[in-house]
Protein backbone atom coordinates (compact mmCIF):
# COMPACT_ATOMS: atom_id res chain seq x y z
CA UNK A 1 0.00 0.00 0.00
CA UNK A 2 1.45 3.36 1.04
CA UNK A 3 5.00 3.19 2.14
CA UNK A 4 6.24 5.44 4.99
CA UNK A 5 8.43 7.36 2.54
CA UNK A 6 5.52 8.08 0.25
CA UNK A 7 3.45 9.23 3.22
CA UNK A 8 6.31 11.47 4.37
CA UNK A 9 6.62 13.04 0.90
CA UNK A 10 2.87 13.75 0.78
CA UNK A 11 3.06 15.35 4.21
CA UNK A 12 5.97 17.56 3.15
CA UNK A 13 4.18 18.54 -0.07
CA UNK A 14 1.05 19.50 1.88
CA UNK A 15 3.14 21.54 4.31
CA UNK A 16 4.76 23.41 1.41
CA UNK A 17 1.37 24.10 -0.18
CA UNK A 18 0.03 25.33 3.14
CA UNK A 19 3.03 27.65 3.66
CA UNK A 20 2.63 28.97 0.10
CA UNK A 21 -1.06 29.70 0.68
CA UNK A 22 -0.27 31.42 3.98
CA UNK A 23 2.39 33.54 2.30
CA UNK A 24 -0.04 34.48 -0.50
CA UNK A 25 -2.71 35.44 2.02
CA UNK A 26 -0.26 37.53 4.01
CA UNK A 27 0.90 39.30 0.82
CA UNK A 28 -2.71 40.05 -0.13
CA UNK A 29 -3.36 41.45 3.37
CA UNK A 30 -0.28 43.66 3.16
CA UNK A 31 -1.31 44.87 -0.28
CA UNK A 32 -4.79 45.76 0.96
CA UNK A 33 -3.30 47.63 3.94
CA UNK A 34 -0.97 49.58 1.67
CA UNK A 35 -3.74 50.63 -0.69
CA UNK A 36 -5.92 51.65 2.25
CA UNK A 37 -3.16 53.81 3.70
CA UNK A 38 -2.52 55.49 0.35
CA UNK A 39 -6.17 56.48 -0.06
CA UNK A 40 -6.68 60.21 0.34
CA UNK A 41 -9.45 61.47 2.55
CA UNK A 42 -11.18 64.74 1.83
CA UNK A 43 -13.02 66.72 4.47
CA UNK A 44 -16.57 67.37 3.35
CA UNK A 45 -18.23 70.75 3.76
CA UNK A 46 -21.96 71.30 3.92
CA UNK A 47 -23.21 73.17 0.87
CA UNK A 48 -24.61 76.59 1.71
CA UNK A 49 -26.69 78.34 -0.89
CA UNK A 50 -25.98 81.91 -1.97
CA UNK A 51 -29.12 83.16 -0.23
CA UNK A 52 -27.64 82.27 3.15
CA UNK A 53 -24.54 84.31 2.31
CA UNK A 54 -26.67 87.27 1.19
CA UNK A 55 -28.78 87.06 4.31
CA UNK A 56 -25.67 86.94 6.42
CA UNK A 57 -24.28 90.00 4.61
CA UNK A 58 -27.61 91.79 4.92
CA UNK A 59 -27.88 90.95 8.61
CA UNK A 60 -24.39 92.31 9.22
CA UNK A 61 -25.24 95.49 7.33
CA UNK A 62 -28.45 96.01 9.31
CA UNK A 63 -26.60 95.41 12.57
CA UNK A 64 -23.93 97.95 11.57
CA UNK A 65 -26.57 100.53 10.67
CA UNK A 66 -28.34 99.98 14.00
CA UNK A 67 -25.07 100.50 15.83
CA UNK A 68 -24.36 103.66 13.83
CA UNK A 69 -27.86 104.98 14.58
CA UNK A 70 -27.41 104.26 18.28
CA UNK A 71 -24.15 106.22 18.21
CA UNK A 72 -25.82 109.18 16.50
CA UNK A 73 -28.67 109.14 19.05
CA UNK A 74 -26.18 109.02 21.93
CA UNK A 75 -24.20 111.93 20.45
CA UNK A 76 -27.35 114.02 20.01
CA UNK A 77 -28.46 113.20 23.58
CA UNK A 78 -25.08 114.30 24.98
CA UNK A 79 -25.16 117.57 23.00
CA UNK A 80 -28.73 118.25 24.10
CA UNK A 81 -27.85 117.56 27.74
CA UNK A 82 -24.87 119.92 27.46
CA UNK A 83 -27.06 122.69 26.01
CA UNK A 84 -29.71 122.19 28.72
CA UNK A 85 -27.05 122.21 31.43
CA UNK A 86 -25.60 125.44 30.00
CA UNK A 87 -29.04 127.08 29.90
CA UNK A 88 -29.73 125.97 33.48
CA UNK A 89 -26.37 127.32 34.71
CA UNK A 90 -26.78 130.65 32.90
CA UNK A 91 -30.37 130.95 34.17
CA UNK A 92 -29.27 130.26 37.74
CA UNK A 93 -26.49 132.87 37.51
CA UNK A 94 -28.90 135.47 36.07
CA UNK A 95 -31.42 134.76 38.82
CA UNK A 96 -28.73 135.04 41.52
CA UNK A 97 -27.45 138.33 40.01
CA UNK A 98 -31.00 139.70 39.89
CA UNK A 99 -31.59 138.78 43.51
CA UNK A 100 -28.30 140.32 44.61
CA UNK A 101 -28.23 143.52 42.59
CA UNK A 102 -31.67 144.40 41.26
CA UNK A 103 -34.05 143.21 43.91
CA UNK A 104 -35.27 146.14 46.05
CA UNK A 105 -35.08 145.73 49.77
CA UNK A 106 -38.35 146.76 51.36
């Protein structure tokens, strides 16, 4: 039947085939890893329509105009307060001068 030498040769042949298959599998795995590492990844950005950009620009413009208007109102209020304070001071001085110099003592 099968001699021990023949059996030994078959065993060695099977071992060689198994090693070759393992080597092929390992090479395929390495190749897949290399191609995966070489793949470039791109960061995606959500698409924003032009209307959103215009609205953003318009909102910024409106906010700027509101701020400018607030500044103008504040400037006018300060000038008005200065004029009223001046009128009040001058009126008080005139009243004091009248009381001191022109008021008759009876």
